[in-house]
PDB file of N, CA and C in Angstrom:
ATOM      1  N   MET A   1       0.838  -1.157   0.000  1.00  0.00           N
ATOM      2  CA  MET A   1       0.000   0.000   0.000  1.00  0.00           C
ATOM      3  C   MET A   1       0.895   1.236   0.000  1.00  0.00           C
ATOM      4  N   ARG A   2       0.596   2.156  -0.866  1.00  0.00           N
ATOM      5  CA  ARG A   2       1.400   3.358  -1.003  1.00  0.00           C
ATOM      6  C   ARG A   2       0.596   4.560  -0.526  1.00  0.00           C
ATOM      7  N   THR A   3       1.199   5.342   0.354  1.00  0.00           N
ATOM      8  CA  THR A   3       0.516   6.541   0.830  1.00  0.00           C
ATOM      9  C   THR A   3       1.013   7.745   0.056  1.00  0.00           C
ATOM     10  N   SER A   4       0.296   8.832   0.182  1.00  0.00           N
ATOM     11  CA  SER A   4       0.675  10.033  -0.563  1.00  0.00           C
ATOM     12  C   SER A   4       1.893  10.713   0.046  1.00  0.00           C
ATOM     13  N   GLU A   5       2.136  10.464   1.324  1.00  0.00           N
ATOM     14  CA  GLU A   5       3.278  11.093   1.990  1.00  0.00           C
ATOM     15  C   GLU A   5       4.205  10.001   2.506  1.00  0.00           C
ATOM     16  N   SER A   6       5.313   9.791   1.826  1.00  0.00           N
ATOM     17  CA  SER A   6       6.241   8.740   2.245  1.00  0.00           C
ATOM     18  C   SER A   6       7.366   9.342   3.075  1.00  0.00           C
ATOM     19  N   THR A   7       7.953   8.504   3.898  1.00  0.00           N
ATOM     20  CA  THR A   7       9.049   8.925   4.769  1.00  0.00           C
ATOM     21  C   THR A   7      10.370   8.638   4.083  1.00  0.00           C
ATOM     22  N   ALA A   8      11.260   9.608   4.107  1.00  0.00           N
ATOM     23  CA  ALA A   8      12.604   9.412   3.549  1.00  0.00           C
ATOM     24  C   ALA A   8      13.448   8.678   4.590  1.00  0.00           C
ATOM     25  N   TRP A   9      14.010   7.549   4.226  1.00  0.00           N
ATOM     26  CA  TRP A   9      14.755   6.723   5.156  1.00  0.00           C
ATOM     27  C   TRP A   9      16.265   6.853   5.003  1.00  0.00           C
ATOM     28  N   GLY A  10      16.761   7.575   4.020  1.00  0.00           N
ATOM     29  CA  GLY A  10      18.189   7.645   3.746  1.00  0.00           C
ATOM     30  C   GLY A  10      19.056   8.057   4.923  1.00  0.00           C
ATOM     31  N   PRO A  11      18.837   9.231   5.527  1.00  0.00           N
ATOM     32  CA  PRO A  11      19.683   9.646   6.651  1.00  0.00           C
ATOM     33  C   PRO A  11      19.587   8.713   7.856  1.00  0.00           C
ATOM     34  N   TYR A  12      18.386   8.208   8.127  1.00  0.00           N
ATOM     35  CA  TYR A  12      18.212   7.281   9.251  1.00  0.00           C
ATOM     36  C   TYR A  12      18.987   5.997   9.006  1.00  0.00           C
ATOM     37  N   LEU A  13      18.904   5.485   7.798  1.00  0.00           N
ATOM     38  CA  LEU A  13      19.634   4.257   7.465  1.00  0.00           C
ATOM     39  C   LEU A  13      21.148   4.470   7.503  1.00  0.00           C
ATOM     40  N   LEU A  14      21.596   5.683   7.219  1.00  0.00           N
ATOM     41  CA  LEU A  14      23.025   5.998   7.324  1.00  0.00           C
ATOM     42  C   LEU A  14      23.513   5.806   8.758  1.00  0.00           C
ATOM     43  N   VAL A  15      22.752   6.317   9.719  1.00  0.00           N
ATOM     44  CA  VAL A  15      23.124   6.168  11.128  1.00  0.00           C
ATOM     45  C   VAL A  15      23.026   4.702  11.554  1.00  0.00           C
ATOM     46  N   ALA A  16      21.946   4.036  11.152  1.00  0.00           N
ATOM     47  CA  ALA A  16      21.769   2.626  11.514  1.00  0.00           C
ATOM     48  C   ALA A  16      22.867   1.758  10.905  1.00  0.00           C
ATOM     49  N   ALA A  17      23.264   2.052   9.677  1.00  0.00           N
ATOM     50  CA  ALA A  17      24.331   1.280   9.033  1.00  0.00           C
ATOM     51  C   ALA A  17      25.667   1.507   9.733  1.00  0.00           C
ATOM     52  N   GLY A  18      25.928   2.738  10.174  1.00  0.00           N
ATOM     53  CA  GLY A  18      27.159   3.006  10.915  1.00  0.00           C
ATOM     54  C   GLY A  18      27.212   2.252  12.229  1.00  0.00           C
ATOM     55  N   ALA A  19      26.082   2.216  12.941  1.00  0.00           N
ATOM     56  CA  ALA A  19      26.037   1.473  14.202  1.00  0.00           C
ATOM     57  C   ALA A  19      26.178  -0.024  13.952  1.00  0.00           C
ATOM     58  N   ALA A  20      25.509  -0.522  12.935  1.00  0.00           N
ATOM     59  CA  ALA A  20      25.597  -1.952  12.614  1.00  0.00           C
ATOM     60  C   ALA A  20      27.005  -2.328  12.160  1.00  0.00           C
ATOM     61  N   ALA A  21      27.635  -1.458  11.388  1.00  0.00           N
ATOM     62  CA  ALA A  21      29.001  -1.739  10.926  1.00  0.00           C
ATOM     63  C   ALA A  21      29.968  -1.809  12.105  1.00  0.00           C
ATOM     64  N   GLY A  22      29.823  -0.892  13.053  1.00  0.00           N
ATOM     65  CA  GLY A  22      30.687  -0.921  14.230  1.00  0.00           C
ATOM     66  C   GLY A  22      30.486  -2.170  15.069  1.00  0.00           C
ATOM     67  N   LEU A  23      29.230  -2.554  15.274  1.00  0.00           N
ATOM     68  CA  LEU A  23      28.947  -3.760  16.055  1.00  0.00           C
ATOM     69  C   LEU A  23      29.417  -5.018  15.331  1.00  0.00           C
ATOM     70  N   CYS A  24      29.229  -5.069  14.011  1.00  0.00           N
ATOM     71  CA  CYS A  24      29.710  -6.224  13.236  1.00  0.00           C
ATOM     72  C   CYS A  24      31.229  -6.308  13.266  1.00  0.00           C
ATOM     73  N   ALA A  25      31.891  -5.163  13.191  1.00  0.00           N
ATOM     74  CA  ALA A  25      33.350  -5.158  13.244  1.00  0.00           C
ATOM     75  C   ALA A  25      33.834  -5.723  14.575  1.00  0.00           C
ATOM     76  N   ILE A  26      33.197  -5.315  15.661  1.00  0.00           N
ATOM     77  CA  ILE A  26      33.574  -5.845  16.975  1.00  0.00           C
ATOM     78  C   ILE A  26      33.293  -7.337  17.036  1.00  0.00           C
ATOM     79  N   GLY A  27      32.152  -7.751  16.508  1.00  0.00           N
ATOM     80  CA  GLY A  27      31.800  -9.161  16.502  1.00  0.00           C
ATOM     81  C   GLY A  27      32.747 -10.010  15.680  1.00  0.00           C
ATOM     82  N   LEU A  28      33.351  -9.414  14.663  1.00  0.00           N
ATOM     83  CA  LEU A  28      34.288 -10.140  13.801  1.00  0.00           C
ATOM     84  C   LEU A  28      35.720 -10.098  14.316  1.00  0.00           C
ATOM     85  N   GLY A  29      35.933  -9.497  15.478  1.00  0.00           N
ATOM     86  CA  GLY A  29      37.255  -9.549  16.087  1.00  0.00           C
ATOM     87  C   GLY A  29      38.086  -8.288  15.973  1.00  0.00           C
ATOM     88  N   VAL A  30      37.545  -7.231  15.393  1.00  0.00           N
ATOM     89  CA  VAL A  30      38.269  -5.960  15.347  1.00  0.00           C
ATOM     90  C   VAL A  30      38.305  -5.409  16.772  1.00  0.00           C
ATOM     91  N   PRO A  31      39.373  -4.755  17.176  1.00  0.00           N
ATOM     92  CA  PRO A  31      39.430  -4.210  18.540  1.00  0.00           C
ATOM     93  C   PRO A  31      38.239  -3.286  18.838  1.00  0.00           C
ATOM     94  N   VAL A  32      37.794  -3.329  20.071  1.00  0.00           N
ATOM     95  CA  VAL A  32      36.621  -2.561  20.497  1.00  0.00           C
ATOM     96  C   VAL A  32      36.764  -1.057  20.219  1.00  0.00           C
ATOM     97  N   PRO A  33      37.936  -0.444  20.454  1.00  0.00           N
ATOM     98  CA  PRO A  33      38.037   0.989  20.148  1.00  0.00           C
ATOM     99  C   PRO A  33      37.780   1.308  18.675  1.00  0.00           C
ATOM    100  N   ALA A  34      38.184   0.430  17.780  1.00  0.00           N
ATOM    101  CA  ALA A  34      37.938   0.679  16.356  1.00  0.00           C
ATOM    102  C   ALA A  34      36.446   0.579  16.051  1.00  0.00           C
ATOM    103  N   GLY A  35      35.776  -0.412  16.614  1.00  0.00           N
ATOM    104  CA  GLY A  35      34.338  -0.542  16.402  1.00  0.00           C
ATOM    105  C   GLY A  35      33.566   0.634  16.974  1.00  0.00           C
ATOM    106  N   GLY A  36      33.975   1.097  18.143  1.00  0.00           N
ATOM    107  CA  GLY A  36      33.328   2.263  18.735  1.00  0.00           C
ATOM    108  C   GLY A  36      33.541   3.513  17.907  1.00  0.00           C
ATOM    109  N   ALA A  37      34.729   3.659  17.336  1.00  0.00           N
ATOM    110  CA  ALA A  37      35.002   4.807  16.477  1.00  0.00           C
ATOM    111  C   ALA A  37      34.167   4.738  15.199  1.00  0.00           C
ATOM    112  N   ILE A  38      33.963   3.546  14.673  1.00  0.00           N
ATOM    113  CA  ILE A  38      33.120   3.390  13.480  1.00  0.00           C
ATOM    114  C   ILE A  38      31.690   3.809  13.800  1.00  0.00           C
ATOM    115  N   MET A  39      31.184   3.369  14.940  1.00  0.00           N
ATOM    116  CA  MET A  39      29.827   3.768  15.338  1.00  0.00           C
ATOM    117  C   MET A  39      29.741   5.276  15.544  1.00  0.00           C
ATOM    118  N   GLY A  40      30.745   5.848  16.190  1.00  0.00           N
ATOM    119  CA  GLY A  40      30.757   7.292  16.406  1.00  0.00           C
ATOM    120  C   GLY A  40      30.776   8.074  15.108  1.00  0.00           C
ATOM    121  N   CYS A  41      31.537   7.597  14.138  1.00  0.00           N
ATOM    122  CA  CYS A  41      31.566   8.268  12.833  1.00  0.00           C
ATOM    123  C   CYS A  41      30.217   8.175  12.135  1.00  0.00           C
ATOM    124  N   GLY A  42      29.498   7.079  12.342  1.00  0.00           N
ATOM    125  CA  GLY A  42      28.145   6.966  11.794  1.00  0.00           C
ATOM    126  C   GLY A  42      27.213   8.012  12.388  1.00  0.00           C
ATOM    127  N   PHE A  43      27.312   8.232  13.706  1.00  0.00           N
ATOM    128  CA  PHE A  43      26.500   9.264  14.343  1.00  0.00           C
ATOM    129  C   PHE A  43      26.894  10.659  13.862  1.00  0.00           C
ATOM    130  N   LEU A  44      28.195  10.895  13.697  1.00  0.00           N
ATOM    131  CA  LEU A  44      28.636  12.197  13.203  1.00  0.00           C
ATOM    132  C   LEU A  44      28.175  12.440  11.775  1.00  0.00           C
ATOM    133  N   ALA A  45      28.191  11.389  10.949  1.00  0.00           N
ATOM    134  CA  ALA A  45      27.685  11.517   9.580  1.00  0.00           C
ATOM    135  C   ALA A  45      26.182  11.801   9.594  1.00  0.00           C
ATOM    136  N   GLY A  46      25.454  11.175  10.517  1.00  0.00           N
ATOM    137  CA  GLY A  46      24.031  11.459  10.647  1.00  0.00           C
ATOM    138  C   GLY A  46      23.771  12.889  11.077  1.00  0.00           C
ATOM    139  N   SER A  47      24.629  13.408  11.952  1.00  0.00           N
ATOM    140  CA  SER A  47      24.505  14.796  12.370  1.00  0.00           C
ATOM    141  C   SER A  47      24.720  15.742  11.193  1.00  0.00           C
ATOM    142  N   LEU A  48      25.717  15.445  10.399  1.00  0.00           N
ATOM    143  CA  LEU A  48      25.979  16.261   9.215  1.00  0.00           C
ATOM    144  C   LEU A  48      24.826  16.161   8.224  1.00  0.00           C
ATOM    145  N   ALA A  49      24.281  14.972   8.058  1.00  0.00           N
ATOM    146  CA  ALA A  49      23.144  14.796   7.155  1.00  0.00           C
ATOM    147  C   ALA A  49      21.927  15.565   7.661  1.00  0.00           C
ATOM    148  N   ARG A  50      21.711  15.558   8.967  1.00  0.00           N
ATOM    149  CA  ARG A  50      20.556  16.260   9.531  1.00  0.00           C
ATOM    150  C   ARG A  50      20.660  17.758   9.310  1.00  0.00           C
ATOM    151  N   VAL A  51      21.894  18.282   9.336  1.00  0.00           N
ATOM    152  CA  VAL A  51      22.083  19.715   9.121  1.00  0.00           C
ATOM    153  C   VAL A  51      21.904  20.078   7.647  1.00  0.00           C
ATOM    154  N   THR A  52      22.347  19.218   6.752  1.00  0.00           N
ATOM    155  CA  THR A  52      22.394  19.593   5.342  1.00  0.00           C
ATOM    156  C   THR A  52      21.126  19.276   4.554  1.00  0.00           C
ATOM    157  N   VAL A  53      20.411  18.215   4.895  1.00  0.00           N
ATOM    158  CA  VAL A  53      19.230  17.874   4.095  1.00  0.00           C
ATOM    159  C   VAL A  53      18.011  18.653   4.582  1.00  0.00           C
ATOM    160  N   SER A  54      17.030  18.780   3.713  1.00  0.00           N
ATOM    161  CA  SER A  54      15.822  19.524   4.059  1.00  0.00           C
ATOM    162  C   SER A  54      14.999  18.757   5.090  1.00  0.00           C
ATOM    163  N   GLU A  55      14.046  19.451   5.675  1.00  0.00           N
ATOM    164  CA  GLU A  55      13.193  18.846   6.693  1.00  0.00           C
ATOM    165  C   GLU A  55      12.420  17.654   6.124  1.00  0.00           C
ATOM    166  N   ARG A  56      11.979  17.780   4.901  1.00  0.00           N
ATOM    167  CA  ARG A  56      11.217  16.714   4.267  1.00  0.00           C
ATOM    168  C   ARG A  56      12.077  15.503   3.965  1.00  0.00           C
ATOM    169  N   ARG A  57      13.339  15.732   3.579  1.00  0.00           N
ATOM    170  CA  ARG A  57      14.237  14.640   3.225  1.00  0.00           C
ATOM    171  C   ARG A  57      14.904  14.003   4.446  1.00  0.00           C
ATOM    172  N   ALA A  58      14.819  14.646   5.601  1.00  0.00           N
ATOM    173  CA  ALA A  58      15.438  14.084   6.808  1.00  0.00           C
ATOM    174  C   ALA A  58      14.688  12.848   7.280  1.00  0.00           C
ATOM    175  N   GLY A  59      13.421  12.774   6.994  1.00  0.00           N
ATOM    176  CA  GLY A  59      12.628  11.579   7.288  1.00  0.00           C
ATOM    177  C   GLY A  59      12.610  11.210   8.754  1.00  0.00           C
ATOM    178  N   ALA A  60      12.895   9.949   9.040  1.00  0.00           N
ATOM    179  CA  ALA A  60      12.818   9.427  10.397  1.00  0.00           C
ATOM    180  C   ALA A  60      13.909   9.990  11.304  1.00  0.00           C
ATOM    181  N   LEU A  61      14.903  10.651  10.741  1.00  0.00           N
ATOM    182  CA  LEU A  61      15.959  11.249  11.555  1.00  0.00           C
ATOM    183  C   LEU A  61      15.489  12.556  12.191  1.00  0.00           C
ATOM    184  N   ALA A  62      14.424  13.151  11.659  1.00  0.00           N
ATOM    185  CA  ALA A  62      13.892  14.409  12.187  1.00  0.00           C
ATOM    186  C   ALA A  62      12.918  14.108  13.314  1.00  0.00           C
ATOM    187  N   VAL A  63      13.344  14.365  14.541  1.00  0.00           N
ATOM    188  CA  VAL A  63      12.496  14.114  15.702  1.00  0.00           C
ATOM    189  C   VAL A  63      12.135  15.439  16.366  1.00  0.00           C
ATOM    190  N   ARG A  64      13.130  16.273  16.573  1.00  0.00           N
ATOM    191  CA  ARG A  64      12.916  17.573  17.197  1.00  0.00           C
ATOM    192  C   ARG A  64      13.279  18.642  16.177  1.00  0.00           C
ATOM    193  N   SER A  65      13.753  19.771  16.639  1.00  0.00           N
ATOM    194  CA  SER A  65      14.203  20.797  15.712  1.00  0.00           C
ATOM    195  C   SER A  65      15.512  20.342  15.060  1.00  0.00           C
ATOM    196  N   ARG A  66      15.828  20.941  13.948  1.00  0.00           N
ATOM    197  CA  ARG A  66      17.049  20.567  13.225  1.00  0.00           C
ATOM    198  C   ARG A  66      18.278  20.743  14.104  1.00  0.00           C
ATOM    199  N   ARG A  67      18.353  21.852  14.812  1.00  0.00           N
ATOM    200  CA  ARG A  67      19.520  22.131  15.650  1.00  0.00           C
ATOM    201  C   ARG A  67      19.660  21.102  16.775  1.00  0.00           C
ATOM    202  N   MET A  68      18.552  20.772  17.443  1.00  0.00           N
ATOM    203  CA  MET A  68      18.610  19.833  18.557  1.00  0.00           C
ATOM    204  C   MET A  68      18.966  18.424  18.075  1.00  0.00           C
ATOM    205  N   ASP A  69      18.405  18.005  16.950  1.00  0.00           N
ATOM    206  CA  ASP A  69      18.743  16.689  16.392  1.00  0.00           C
ATOM    207  C   ASP A  69      20.228  16.615  16.044  1.00  0.00           C
ATOM    208  N   ALA A  70      20.735  17.659  15.390  1.00  0.00           N
ATOM    209  CA  ALA A  70      22.140  17.660  14.988  1.00  0.00           C
ATOM    210  C   ALA A  70      23.063  17.684  16.208  1.00  0.00           C
ATOM    211  N   LEU A  71      22.722  18.486  17.207  1.00  0.00           N
ATOM    212  CA  LEU A  71      23.559  18.550  18.412  1.00  0.00           C
ATOM    213  C   LEU A  71      23.549  17.230  19.172  1.00  0.00           C
ATOM    214  N   THR A  72      22.399  16.594  19.254  1.00  0.00           N
ATOM    215  CA  THR A  72      22.311  15.315  19.956  1.00  0.00           C
ATOM    216  C   THR A  72      23.132  14.246  19.249  1.00  0.00           C
ATOM    217  N   LEU A  73      22.984  14.137  17.938  1.00  0.00           N
ATOM    218  CA  LEU A  73      23.763  13.150  17.175  1.00  0.00           C
ATOM    219  C   LEU A  73      25.257  13.444  17.253  1.00  0.00           C
ATOM    220  N   ALA A  74      25.617  14.732  17.161  1.00  0.00           N
ATOM    221  CA  ALA A  74      27.030  15.094  17.232  1.00  0.00           C
ATOM    222  C   ALA A  74      27.608  14.787  18.612  1.00  0.00           C
ATOM    223  N   ALA A  75      26.837  15.024  19.669  1.00  0.00           N
ATOM    224  CA  ALA A  75      27.323  14.740  21.028  1.00  0.00           C
ATOM    225  C   ALA A  75      27.537  13.240  21.216  1.00  0.00           C
ATOM    226  N   PHE A  76      26.573  12.420  20.782  1.00  0.00           N
ATOM    227  CA  PHE A  76      26.737  10.963  20.895  1.00  0.00           C
ATOM    228  C   PHE A  76      27.917  10.480  20.048  1.00  0.00           C
ATOM    229  N   GLY A  77      28.037  11.000  18.835  1.00  0.00           N
ATOM    230  CA  GLY A  77      29.137  10.592  17.963  1.00  0.00           C
ATOM    231  C   GLY A  77      30.489  10.980  18.527  1.00  0.00           C
ATOM    232  N   ALA A  78      30.599  12.220  19.005  1.00  0.00           N
ATOM    233  CA  ALA A  78      31.868  12.675  19.580  1.00  0.00           C
ATOM    234  C   ALA A  78      32.204  11.884  20.836  1.00  0.00           C
ATOM    235  N   ALA A  79      31.198  11.586  21.662  1.00  0.00           N
ATOM    236  CA  ALA A  79      31.447  10.805  22.873  1.00  0.00           C
ATOM    237  C   ALA A  79      31.946   9.403  22.527  1.00  0.00           C
ATOM    238  N   LEU A  80      31.366   8.792  21.508  1.00  0.00           N
ATOM    239  CA  LEU A  80      31.820   7.461  21.099  1.00  0.00           C
ATOM    240  C   LEU A  80      33.245   7.494  20.549  1.00  0.00           C
ATOM    241  N   VAL A  81      33.537   8.467  19.704  1.00  0.00           N
ATOM    242  CA  VAL A  81      34.882   8.546  19.116  1.00  0.00           C
ATOM    243  C   VAL A  81      35.918   8.861  20.184  1.00  0.00           C
ATOM    244  N   ILE A  82      35.644   9.847  21.027  1.00  0.00           N
ATOM    245  CA  ILE A  82      36.604  10.222  22.069  1.00  0.00           C
ATOM    246  C   ILE A  82      36.765   9.093  23.080  1.00  0.00           C
ATOM    247  N   GLY A  83      35.655   8.485  23.481  1.00  0.00           N
ATOM    248  CA  GLY A  83      35.741   7.355  24.402  1.00  0.00           C
ATOM    249  C   GLY A  83      36.521   6.193  23.830  1.00  0.00           C
ATOM    250  N   SER A  84      36.336   5.937  22.538  1.00  0.00           N
ATOM    251  CA  SER A  84      37.072   4.856  21.886  1.00  0.00           C
ATOM    252  C   SER A  84      38.566   5.160  21.828  1.00  0.00           C
ATOM    253  N   LEU A  85      38.894   6.410  21.540  1.00  0.00           N
ATOM    254  CA  LEU A  85      40.311   6.783  21.492  1.00  0.00           C
ATOM    255  C   LEU A  85      40.943   6.748  22.883  1.00  0.00           C
ATOM    256  N   LEU A  86      40.173   7.107  23.892  1.00  0.00           N
ATOM    257  CA  LEU A  86      40.701   7.073  25.258  1.00  0.00           C
ATOM    258  C   LEU A  86      40.977   5.632  25.713  1.00  0.00           C
ATOM    259  N   MET A  87      40.265   4.678  25.147  1.00  0.00           N
ATOM    260  CA  MET A  87      40.520   3.275  25.505  1.00  0.00           C
ATOM    261  C   MET A  87      41.891   2.816  25.042  1.00  0.00           C
ATOM    262  N   LEU A  88      42.486   3.529  24.111  1.00  0.00           N
ATOM    263  CA  LEU A  88      43.810   3.151  23.601  1.00  0.00           C
ATOM    264  C   LEU A  88      44.946   3.623  24.499  1.00  0.00           C
ATOM    265  N   LEU A  89      44.656   4.518  25.445  1.00  0.00           N
ATOM    266  CA  LEU A  89      45.699   5.025  26.339  1.00  0.00           C
ATOM    267  C   LEU A  89      46.114   3.964  27.349  1.00  0.00           C
ATOM    268  N   ARG A  90      47.398   3.868  27.562  1.00  0.00           N
ATOM    269  CA  ARG A  90      47.905   2.989  28.632  1.00  0.00           C
ATOM    270  C   ARG A  90      48.126   3.873  29.854  1.00  0.00           C
ATOM    271  N   LEU A  91      47.277   3.719  30.836  1.00  0.00           N
ATOM    272  CA  LEU A  91      47.355   4.576  32.010  1.00  0.00           C
ATOM    273  C   LEU A  91      48.275   3.987  33.082  1.00  0.00           C
ATOM    274  N   HIS A  92      48.489   2.674  33.052  1.00  0.00           N
ATOM    275  CA  HIS A  92      49.373   2.048  34.029  1.00  0.00           C
ATOM    276  C   HIS A  92      49.836   0.719  33.471  1.00  0.00           C
ATOM    277  N   ASP A  93      50.887   0.180  34.054  1.00  0.00           N
ATOM    278  CA  ASP A  93      51.382  -1.133  33.645  1.00  0.00           C
ATOM    279  C   ASP A  93      50.629  -2.202  34.422  1.00  0.00           C
ATOM    280  N   SER A  94      49.982  -3.063  33.693  1.00  0.00           N
ATOM    281  CA  SER A  94      49.274  -4.149  34.368  1.00  0.00           C
ATOM    282  C   SER A  94      49.331  -5.419  33.549  1.00  0.00           C
TER     283      SER A  94
END
């Protein structure tokens, strides 16, 4: 059944694919920091997509205002990337 108003899934699928790629990478034996960085980059790409595409084309990624959606995705993405990079630090010999 086709409705007159369809939802654009592109930006949402971009974020979902980034998260799935990171989890699959970890599941396949890639180090956890690399998988977390992949997921974080997916969120950052979603943030960039939310800022650049129109409200109509944002589809399921548009939940709140454009600014709030982009800031939320960017914060989660940056936290994942920074947290993943911090896992690479050797803080003590053990």
